[in-house]
Amino acid sequence: MARLNVNGRVREHQAEPDTPLLWVLREHLGLTGTKYGCGIAQCGSCTVHVDGAPVRSCAVPVSSIQPRQRITTIEGLSAKGDHPLQKAWVHLDVPQCGYCQSGMIMAAAALLKEKKQPSDADIDAAITNICRCGTYNRVRAAIKEAAGLTKTAAVDIVHVVRRQA
């Protein structure tokens, strides 16, 4: 029986050592917020944190994760779903289909942990996740809102105008 520290809890699993971390999280531990997208670490839908760093879990064999390392999934980002990024995502209606959004939020959370007030260039460099719906402008706006870089009243006006369109 192997052990992982996931979302602050030690969890046991019986996966083969070469099983991608993504499948252990989803199939063995029941944490389905992390999504499978491409399987080759390109799209970012499977992004989780390992010791605070964003990792594409589809390409990481579970055997490479040590029991002392902390894994955080979208379920562990906030116990109540009230992380500033989650609030901004809802406030700005960032997702369309929503499939890639947990990976986007996890990549953005890692960015904001490293850079409290990221520039557009910082956001572009850190958010390499692929969104088939093309919500990149809303992703950027939500990251800025979560970082406190935008005025909520101005964002509300844009939000209302967009809904009327």
N, C-alpha and C. Protein backbone atom coordinates (compact mmCIF):
# COMPACT_ATOMS: atom_id res chain seq x y z
N MET A 1 0.86 -1.17 0.00
CA MET A 1 0.00 0.00 0.00
C MET A 1 0.91 1.24 0.00
N ALA A 2 0.72 2.10 -0.99
CA ALA A 2 1.50 3.33 -1.09
C ALA A 2 0.69 4.47 -0.47
N ARG A 3 1.39 5.54 -0.08
CA ARG A 3 0.74 6.68 0.56
C ARG A 3 1.07 7.98 -0.18
N LEU A 4 0.07 8.86 -0.19
CA LEU A 4 0.23 10.20 -0.74
C LEU A 4 -0.39 11.19 0.23
N ASN A 5 0.21 12.36 0.33
CA ASN A 5 -0.36 13.44 1.13
C ASN A 5 -1.15 14.33 0.17
N VAL A 6 -2.48 14.18 0.19
CA VAL A 6 -3.34 14.88 -0.75
C VAL A 6 -4.31 15.77 0.03
N ASN A 7 -4.25 17.04 -0.28
CA ASN A 7 -5.15 18.02 0.35
C ASN A 7 -5.09 17.96 1.88
N GLY A 8 -3.87 17.74 2.38
CA GLY A 8 -3.65 17.76 3.82
C GLY A 8 -3.96 16.45 4.53
N ARG A 9 -4.30 15.42 3.78
CA ARG A 9 -4.58 14.11 4.38
C ARG A 9 -3.70 13.05 3.74
N VAL A 10 -3.21 12.13 4.56
CA VAL A 10 -2.46 11.01 4.03
C VAL A 10 -3.48 10.00 3.50
N ARG A 11 -3.33 9.66 2.24
CA ARG A 11 -4.25 8.73 1.57
C ARG A 11 -3.47 7.54 1.06
N GLU A 12 -4.05 6.37 1.14
CA GLU A 12 -3.41 5.15 0.66
C GLU A 12 -4.03 4.73 -0.67
N HIS A 13 -3.20 4.10 -1.49
CA HIS A 13 -3.67 3.59 -2.78
C HIS A 13 -2.87 2.36 -3.15
N GLN A 14 -3.40 1.61 -4.10
CA GLN A 14 -2.73 0.39 -4.56
C GLN A 14 -2.43 0.44 -6.05
N ALA A 15 -2.19 1.61 -6.57
CA ALA A 15 -1.90 1.76 -8.00
C ALA A 15 -0.51 1.25 -8.32
N GLU A 16 -0.35 0.81 -9.54
CA GLU A 16 0.97 0.41 -10.04
C GLU A 16 1.88 1.64 -10.04
N PRO A 17 3.17 1.48 -9.83
CA PRO A 17 4.09 2.62 -9.74
C PRO A 17 4.12 3.52 -10.97
N ASP A 18 3.86 2.98 -12.15
CA ASP A 18 3.91 3.79 -13.37
C ASP A 18 2.56 4.45 -13.70
N THR A 19 1.57 4.27 -12.85
CA THR A 19 0.27 4.90 -13.06
C THR A 19 0.41 6.41 -12.94
N PRO A 20 -0.12 7.17 -13.89
CA PRO A 20 -0.05 8.63 -13.76
C PRO A 20 -0.78 9.11 -12.49
N LEU A 21 -0.21 10.12 -11.87
CA LEU A 21 -0.81 10.70 -10.68
C LEU A 21 -2.27 11.05 -10.92
N LEU A 22 -2.59 11.57 -12.10
CA LEU A 22 -3.97 11.93 -12.43
C LEU A 22 -4.93 10.78 -12.17
N TRP A 23 -4.57 9.58 -12.62
CA TRP A 23 -5.48 8.44 -12.49
C TRP A 23 -5.57 7.97 -11.04
N VAL A 24 -4.50 8.12 -10.29
CA VAL A 24 -4.57 7.77 -8.87
C VAL A 24 -5.52 8.73 -8.17
N LEU A 25 -5.40 10.03 -8.46
CA LEU A 25 -6.29 11.01 -7.85
C LEU A 25 -7.75 10.74 -8.21
N ARG A 26 -8.00 10.52 -9.48
CA ARG A 26 -9.39 10.36 -9.95
C ARG A 26 -9.96 8.98 -9.62
N GLU A 27 -9.26 7.94 -10.00
CA GLU A 27 -9.82 6.59 -9.93
C GLU A 27 -9.61 5.90 -8.58
N HIS A 28 -8.51 6.16 -7.94
CA HIS A 28 -8.22 5.48 -6.67
C HIS A 28 -8.68 6.30 -5.47
N LEU A 29 -8.61 7.63 -5.58
CA LEU A 29 -8.95 8.48 -4.43
C LEU A 29 -10.27 9.22 -4.61
N GLY A 30 -10.88 9.14 -5.78
CA GLY A 30 -12.19 9.74 -6.02
C GLY A 30 -12.20 11.26 -6.12
N LEU A 31 -11.06 11.85 -6.41
CA LEU A 31 -10.96 13.32 -6.56
C LEU A 31 -11.08 13.66 -8.04
N THR A 32 -12.30 13.83 -8.50
CA THR A 32 -12.56 13.97 -9.93
C THR A 32 -12.55 15.40 -10.44
N GLY A 33 -12.20 16.36 -9.60
CA GLY A 33 -12.10 17.75 -10.06
C GLY A 33 -10.96 17.95 -11.03
N THR A 34 -9.92 17.18 -10.91
CA THR A 34 -8.78 17.24 -11.82
C THR A 34 -9.16 16.45 -13.06
N LYS A 35 -9.04 17.07 -14.22
CA LYS A 35 -9.57 16.48 -15.46
C LYS A 35 -8.47 15.91 -16.36
N TYR A 36 -8.85 14.92 -17.14
CA TYR A 36 -8.00 14.37 -18.19
C TYR A 36 -8.30 15.14 -19.47
N GLY A 37 -7.26 15.63 -20.10
CA GLY A 37 -7.45 16.35 -21.36
C GLY A 37 -6.71 15.68 -22.50
N CYS A 38 -5.39 15.75 -22.45
CA CYS A 38 -4.60 15.27 -23.59
C CYS A 38 -3.75 14.05 -23.27
N GLY A 39 -3.36 13.89 -22.03
CA GLY A 39 -2.51 12.76 -21.64
C GLY A 39 -1.04 12.94 -21.94
N ILE A 40 -0.65 14.11 -22.47
CA ILE A 40 0.77 14.34 -22.81
C ILE A 40 1.29 15.64 -22.19
N ALA A 41 0.63 16.12 -21.15
CA ALA A 41 1.07 17.29 -20.38
C ALA A 41 1.08 18.59 -21.19
N GLN A 42 0.22 18.68 -22.19
CA GLN A 42 0.18 19.89 -23.01
C GLN A 42 -0.98 20.82 -22.68
N CYS A 43 -2.14 20.26 -22.36
CA CYS A 43 -3.33 21.11 -22.23
C CYS A 43 -3.50 21.74 -20.85
N GLY A 44 -3.04 21.09 -19.80
CA GLY A 44 -3.12 21.65 -18.46
C GLY A 44 -4.40 21.37 -17.70
N SER A 45 -5.33 20.63 -18.26
CA SER A 45 -6.57 20.32 -17.55
C SER A 45 -6.30 19.54 -16.27
N CYS A 46 -5.20 18.85 -16.23
CA CYS A 46 -4.86 17.98 -15.10
C CYS A 46 -3.94 18.66 -14.08
N THR A 47 -3.79 19.96 -14.14
CA THR A 47 -2.85 20.67 -13.28
C THR A 47 -3.25 20.55 -11.80
N VAL A 48 -2.28 20.13 -11.00
CA VAL A 48 -2.39 20.10 -9.54
C VAL A 48 -1.11 20.73 -9.00
N HIS A 49 -1.04 20.92 -7.71
CA HIS A 49 0.19 21.43 -7.09
C HIS A 49 0.90 20.28 -6.38
N VAL A 50 2.19 20.23 -6.54
CA VAL A 50 3.04 19.34 -5.76
C VAL A 50 4.02 20.24 -5.04
N ASP A 51 3.89 20.28 -3.72
CA ASP A 51 4.67 21.21 -2.89
C ASP A 51 4.55 22.65 -3.39
N GLY A 52 3.36 23.01 -3.82
CA GLY A 52 3.06 24.38 -4.24
C GLY A 52 3.34 24.70 -5.68
N ALA A 53 4.00 23.81 -6.39
CA ALA A 53 4.34 24.06 -7.80
C ALA A 53 3.31 23.39 -8.71
N PRO A 54 2.90 24.08 -9.80
CA PRO A 54 1.94 23.46 -10.71
C PRO A 54 2.58 22.31 -11.48
N VAL A 55 1.85 21.20 -11.55
CA VAL A 55 2.35 19.99 -12.20
C VAL A 55 1.23 19.42 -13.06
N ARG A 56 1.58 18.98 -14.24
CA ARG A 56 0.61 18.32 -15.12
C ARG A 56 0.56 16.84 -14.70
N SER A 57 -0.45 16.49 -13.97
CA SER A 57 -0.51 15.19 -13.31
C SER A 57 -0.68 14.01 -14.26
N CYS A 58 -1.06 14.25 -15.50
CA CYS A 58 -1.22 13.14 -16.45
C CYS A 58 0.11 12.53 -16.86
N ALA A 59 1.18 13.29 -16.68
CA ALA A 59 2.50 12.83 -17.13
C ALA A 59 3.45 12.53 -15.99
N VAL A 60 2.93 12.49 -14.76
CA VAL A 60 3.77 12.25 -13.59
C VAL A 60 3.44 10.87 -13.03
N PRO A 61 4.39 9.92 -13.10
CA PRO A 61 4.11 8.62 -12.50
C PRO A 61 3.98 8.76 -10.98
N VAL A 62 3.01 8.09 -10.42
CA VAL A 62 2.76 8.22 -8.99
C VAL A 62 3.99 7.84 -8.17
N SER A 63 4.83 6.97 -8.69
CA SER A 63 6.03 6.55 -7.97
C SER A 63 7.04 7.68 -7.80
N SER A 64 6.90 8.74 -8.59
CA SER A 64 7.84 9.86 -8.47
C SER A 64 7.45 10.82 -7.34
N ILE A 65 6.29 10.63 -6.76
CA ILE A 65 5.81 11.48 -5.67
C ILE A 65 6.16 10.81 -4.35
N GLN A 66 6.88 11.54 -3.53
CA GLN A 66 7.28 11.02 -2.21
C GLN A 66 6.17 11.27 -1.19
N PRO A 67 6.01 10.39 -0.20
CA PRO A 67 4.95 10.57 0.80
C PRO A 67 5.01 11.91 1.53
N ARG A 68 6.18 12.50 1.64
CA ARG A 68 6.32 13.78 2.34
C ARG A 68 5.90 14.97 1.47
N GLN A 69 5.80 14.76 0.17
CA GLN A 69 5.39 15.84 -0.72
C GLN A 69 3.89 16.08 -0.58
N ARG A 70 3.51 17.36 -0.64
CA ARG A 70 2.10 17.74 -0.50
C ARG A 70 1.48 17.97 -1.87
N ILE A 71 0.41 17.24 -2.13
CA ILE A 71 -0.34 17.39 -3.37
C ILE A 71 -1.60 18.17 -3.04
N THR A 72 -1.88 19.18 -3.85
CA THR A 72 -3.13 19.93 -3.69
C THR A 72 -3.90 19.86 -5.00
N THR A 73 -5.14 19.44 -4.91
CA THR A 73 -6.03 19.40 -6.07
C THR A 73 -7.01 20.55 -5.95
N ILE A 74 -7.86 20.73 -6.95
CA ILE A 74 -8.86 21.79 -6.92
C ILE A 74 -9.76 21.63 -5.69
N GLU A 75 -10.02 20.39 -5.28
CA GLU A 75 -10.85 20.16 -4.09
C GLU A 75 -10.18 20.67 -2.83
N GLY A 76 -8.86 20.72 -2.82
CA GLY A 76 -8.12 21.14 -1.64
C GLY A 76 -7.70 22.60 -1.65
N LEU A 77 -8.00 23.31 -2.74
CA LEU A 77 -7.60 24.71 -2.83
C LEU A 77 -8.30 25.53 -1.76
N SER A 78 -9.57 25.22 -1.51
CA SER A 78 -10.34 25.91 -0.49
C SER A 78 -11.42 24.97 0.01
N ALA A 79 -11.54 24.85 1.31
CA ALA A 79 -12.52 23.94 1.90
C ALA A 79 -13.95 24.32 1.53
N LYS A 80 -14.20 25.61 1.34
CA LYS A 80 -15.56 26.09 1.07
C LYS A 80 -15.73 26.60 -0.36
N GLY A 81 -14.72 26.45 -1.20
CA GLY A 81 -14.81 26.97 -2.56
C GLY A 81 -14.76 28.48 -2.61
N ASP A 82 -14.12 29.08 -1.60
CA ASP A 82 -14.11 30.54 -1.52
C ASP A 82 -12.71 31.14 -1.69
N HIS A 83 -11.83 30.42 -2.35
CA HIS A 83 -10.52 30.98 -2.68
C HIS A 83 -10.78 32.21 -3.56
N PRO A 84 -9.98 33.27 -3.44
CA PRO A 84 -10.19 34.47 -4.27
C PRO A 84 -10.30 34.17 -5.77
N LEU A 85 -9.56 33.20 -6.25
CA LEU A 85 -9.66 32.86 -7.67
C LEU A 85 -11.00 32.21 -7.98
N GLN A 86 -11.45 31.33 -7.12
CA GLN A 86 -12.75 30.70 -7.34
C GLN A 86 -13.86 31.74 -7.34
N LYS A 87 -13.78 32.69 -6.42
CA LYS A 87 -14.78 33.76 -6.38
C LYS A 87 -14.74 34.61 -7.65
N ALA A 88 -13.53 34.95 -8.09
CA ALA A 88 -13.38 35.76 -9.31
C ALA A 88 -13.88 35.00 -10.53
N TRP A 89 -13.60 33.70 -10.58
CA TRP A 89 -14.05 32.88 -11.71
C TRP A 89 -15.57 32.92 -11.81
N VAL A 90 -16.25 32.82 -10.67
CA VAL A 90 -17.72 32.86 -10.66
C VAL A 90 -18.20 34.26 -10.99
N HIS A 91 -17.60 35.25 -10.37
CA HIS A 91 -18.02 36.64 -10.57
C HIS A 91 -17.95 37.06 -12.02
N LEU A 92 -16.93 36.62 -12.72
CA LEU A 92 -16.72 37.03 -14.11
C LEU A 92 -17.20 36.00 -15.13
N ASP A 93 -17.89 34.98 -14.66
CA ASP A 93 -18.38 33.93 -15.58
C ASP A 93 -17.27 33.45 -16.50
N VAL A 94 -16.15 33.09 -15.93
CA VAL A 94 -14.99 32.71 -16.75
C VAL A 94 -15.27 31.48 -17.61
N PRO A 95 -15.78 30.40 -17.06
CA PRO A 95 -15.92 29.20 -17.89
C PRO A 95 -17.09 29.26 -18.85
N GLN A 96 -16.91 28.59 -19.97
CA GLN A 96 -18.05 28.32 -20.84
C GLN A 96 -18.39 26.85 -20.61
N CYS A 97 -17.62 25.94 -21.15
CA CYS A 97 -17.90 24.52 -20.88
C CYS A 97 -17.39 24.14 -19.50
N GLY A 98 -16.31 24.78 -19.05
CA GLY A 98 -15.79 24.55 -17.70
C GLY A 98 -14.80 23.42 -17.56
N TYR A 99 -14.61 22.63 -18.60
CA TYR A 99 -13.79 21.43 -18.48
C TYR A 99 -12.35 21.73 -18.03
N CYS A 100 -11.73 22.71 -18.60
CA CYS A 100 -10.32 23.00 -18.31
C CYS A 100 -10.14 23.89 -17.09
N GLN A 101 -11.22 24.37 -16.52
CA GLN A 101 -11.11 25.44 -15.53
C GLN A 101 -10.44 25.05 -14.22
N SER A 102 -10.58 23.81 -13.76
CA SER A 102 -9.89 23.46 -12.52
C SER A 102 -8.38 23.54 -12.73
N GLY A 103 -7.91 23.11 -13.88
CA GLY A 103 -6.48 23.23 -14.19
C GLY A 103 -6.04 24.67 -14.32
N MET A 104 -6.89 25.49 -14.94
CA MET A 104 -6.60 26.93 -15.06
C MET A 104 -6.49 27.57 -13.68
N ILE A 105 -7.45 27.27 -12.81
CA ILE A 105 -7.44 27.85 -11.47
C ILE A 105 -6.20 27.41 -10.70
N MET A 106 -5.82 26.15 -10.83
CA MET A 106 -4.64 25.67 -10.11
C MET A 106 -3.37 26.34 -10.64
N ALA A 107 -3.27 26.54 -11.94
CA ALA A 107 -2.12 27.25 -12.51
C ALA A 107 -2.11 28.70 -12.04
N ALA A 108 -3.28 29.32 -12.01
CA ALA A 108 -3.38 30.72 -11.56
C ALA A 108 -3.05 30.85 -10.07
N ALA A 109 -3.47 29.88 -9.27
CA ALA A 109 -3.17 29.91 -7.83
C ALA A 109 -1.66 29.83 -7.59
N ALA A 110 -0.98 29.00 -8.36
CA ALA A 110 0.48 28.91 -8.23
C ALA A 110 1.13 30.24 -8.63
N LEU A 111 0.60 30.85 -9.69
CA LEU A 111 1.12 32.15 -10.12
C LEU A 111 0.97 33.19 -9.02
N LEU A 112 -0.24 33.29 -8.44
CA LEU A 112 -0.48 34.31 -7.42
C LEU A 112 0.29 34.05 -6.14
N LYS A 113 0.62 32.82 -5.89
CA LYS A 113 1.45 32.52 -4.71
C LYS A 113 2.87 33.05 -4.93
N GLU A 114 3.32 32.98 -6.17
CA GLU A 114 4.67 33.44 -6.51
C GLU A 114 4.72 34.95 -6.76
N LYS A 115 3.71 35.48 -7.43
CA LYS A 115 3.67 36.91 -7.78
C LYS A 115 2.32 37.47 -7.34
N LYS A 116 2.33 38.26 -6.32
CA LYS A 116 1.09 38.78 -5.73
C LYS A 116 0.34 39.71 -6.69
N GLN A 117 1.06 40.43 -7.53
CA GLN A 117 0.45 41.35 -8.49
C GLN A 117 1.06 41.11 -9.87
N PRO A 118 0.62 40.05 -10.53
CA PRO A 118 1.23 39.69 -11.82
C PRO A 118 0.85 40.66 -12.93
N SER A 119 1.79 40.86 -13.82
CA SER A 119 1.54 41.66 -15.02
C SER A 119 0.88 40.77 -16.07
N ASP A 120 0.44 41.37 -17.16
CA ASP A 120 -0.11 40.58 -18.26
C ASP A 120 0.93 39.58 -18.77
N ALA A 121 2.17 40.01 -18.85
CA ALA A 121 3.23 39.11 -19.31
C ALA A 121 3.43 37.95 -18.34
N ASP A 122 3.34 38.22 -17.03
CA ASP A 122 3.46 37.15 -16.04
C ASP A 122 2.32 36.14 -16.22
N ILE A 123 1.12 36.65 -16.42
CA ILE A 123 -0.04 35.79 -16.60
C ILE A 123 0.12 34.95 -17.86
N ASP A 124 0.52 35.59 -18.95
CA ASP A 124 0.70 34.87 -20.21
C ASP A 124 1.76 33.77 -20.08
N ALA A 125 2.82 34.04 -19.33
CA ALA A 125 3.89 33.06 -19.17
C ALA A 125 3.47 31.89 -18.28
N ALA A 126 2.65 32.18 -17.28
CA ALA A 126 2.27 31.14 -16.31
C ALA A 126 1.07 30.31 -16.76
N ILE A 127 0.16 30.92 -17.46
CA ILE A 127 -1.07 30.22 -17.85
C ILE A 127 -0.91 29.71 -19.27
N THR A 128 -0.35 28.52 -19.36
CA THR A 128 -0.14 27.90 -20.66
C THR A 128 -1.18 26.82 -20.92
N ASN A 129 -2.18 26.76 -20.07
CA ASN A 129 -3.28 25.81 -20.22
C ASN A 129 -4.08 26.16 -21.47
N ILE A 130 -4.65 25.14 -22.08
CA ILE A 130 -5.43 25.33 -23.29
C ILE A 130 -6.92 25.31 -22.94
N CYS A 131 -7.63 26.31 -23.46
CA CYS A 131 -9.08 26.40 -23.27
C CYS A 131 -9.71 26.37 -24.66
N ARG A 132 -10.45 25.32 -24.95
CA ARG A 132 -11.07 25.21 -26.28
C ARG A 132 -12.12 26.28 -26.51
N CYS A 133 -12.69 26.80 -25.42
CA CYS A 133 -13.73 27.83 -25.55
C CYS A 133 -13.12 29.22 -25.74
N GLY A 134 -11.83 29.36 -25.47
CA GLY A 134 -11.15 30.63 -25.69
C GLY A 134 -11.47 31.71 -24.67
N THR A 135 -11.59 31.33 -23.41
CA THR A 135 -11.95 32.31 -22.37
C THR A 135 -10.73 33.01 -21.78
N TYR A 136 -9.67 33.10 -22.51
CA TYR A 136 -8.41 33.65 -22.00
C TYR A 136 -8.53 35.07 -21.45
N ASN A 137 -9.31 35.92 -22.11
CA ASN A 137 -9.47 37.29 -21.60
C ASN A 137 -10.15 37.30 -20.25
N ARG A 138 -11.13 36.42 -20.06
CA ARG A 138 -11.80 36.34 -18.76
C ARG A 138 -10.90 35.70 -17.72
N VAL A 139 -10.07 34.76 -18.13
CA VAL A 139 -9.10 34.16 -17.20
C VAL A 139 -8.17 35.25 -16.69
N ARG A 140 -7.64 36.05 -17.60
CA ARG A 140 -6.75 37.14 -17.20
C ARG A 140 -7.46 38.12 -16.27
N ALA A 141 -8.68 38.49 -16.59
CA ALA A 141 -9.45 39.42 -15.76
C ALA A 141 -9.69 38.83 -14.37
N ALA A 142 -9.99 37.55 -14.30
CA ALA A 142 -10.24 36.91 -13.00
C ALA A 142 -8.97 36.85 -12.16
N ILE A 143 -7.84 36.59 -12.79
CA ILE A 143 -6.57 36.57 -12.05
C ILE A 143 -6.29 37.96 -11.50
N LYS A 144 -6.51 38.98 -12.32
CA LYS A 144 -6.29 40.36 -11.86
C LYS A 144 -7.26 40.71 -10.73
N GLU A 145 -8.52 40.29 -10.84
CA GLU A 145 -9.48 40.57 -9.78
C GLU A 145 -9.06 39.88 -8.48
N ALA A 146 -8.66 38.62 -8.56
CA ALA A 146 -8.23 37.88 -7.38
C ALA A 146 -6.99 38.50 -6.74
N ALA A 147 -6.15 39.09 -7.56
CA ALA A 147 -4.94 39.75 -7.05
C ALA A 147 -5.21 41.16 -6.55
N GLY A 148 -6.45 41.63 -6.73
CA GLY A 148 -6.80 42.99 -6.29
C GLY A 148 -6.31 44.06 -7.25
N LEU A 149 -6.08 43.70 -8.49
CA LEU A 149 -5.55 44.65 -9.47
C LEU A 149 -6.64 45.38 -10.24
N THR A 150 -7.89 44.98 -10.06
CA THR A 150 -8.99 45.65 -10.76
C THR A 150 -10.01 46.13 -9.75
N LYS A 151 -10.75 47.11 -10.14
CA LYS A 151 -11.82 47.65 -9.31
C LYS A 151 -13.08 46.85 -9.57
N THR A 152 -13.69 46.35 -8.53
CA THR A 152 -14.88 45.50 -8.67
C THR A 152 -16.01 46.22 -9.39
N ALA A 153 -16.25 47.49 -9.09
CA ALA A 153 -17.35 48.23 -9.72
C ALA A 153 -17.17 48.26 -11.24
N ALA A 154 -15.96 48.51 -11.69
CA ALA A 154 -15.69 48.54 -13.13
C ALA A 154 -15.89 47.16 -13.74
N VAL A 155 -15.48 46.14 -13.03
CA VAL A 155 -15.65 44.78 -13.51
C VAL A 155 -17.13 44.46 -13.57
N ASP A 156 -17.93 44.90 -12.59
CA ASP A 156 -19.37 44.65 -12.59
C ASP A 156 -20.03 45.26 -13.82
N ILE A 157 -19.61 46.46 -14.21
CA ILE A 157 -20.19 47.11 -15.39
C ILE A 157 -19.88 46.28 -16.63
N VAL A 158 -18.65 45.84 -16.78
CA VAL A 158 -18.27 45.00 -17.92
C VAL A 158 -19.09 43.72 -17.90
N HIS A 159 -19.25 43.15 -16.72
CA HIS A 159 -20.00 41.92 -16.55
C HIS A 159 -21.45 42.08 -17.01
N VAL A 160 -22.10 43.15 -16.62
CA VAL A 160 -23.48 43.41 -17.00
C VAL A 160 -23.59 43.65 -18.50
N VAL A 161 -22.70 44.43 -19.06
CA VAL A 161 -22.71 44.71 -20.49
C VAL A 161 -22.54 43.42 -21.27
N ARG A 162 -21.62 42.58 -20.85
CA ARG A 162 -21.37 41.32 -21.55
C ARG A 162 -22.61 40.43 -21.51
N ARG A 163 -23.30 40.37 -20.38
CA ARG A 163 -24.52 39.54 -20.27
C ARG A 163 -25.62 40.05 -21.17
N GLN A 164 -25.66 41.37 -21.43
CA GLN A 164 -26.71 41.93 -22.27
C GLN A 164 -26.43 41.71 -23.75
N ALA A 165 -25.19 41.46 -24.08
CA ALA A 165 -24.81 41.29 -25.49
C ALA A 165 -25.29 39.98 -26.06
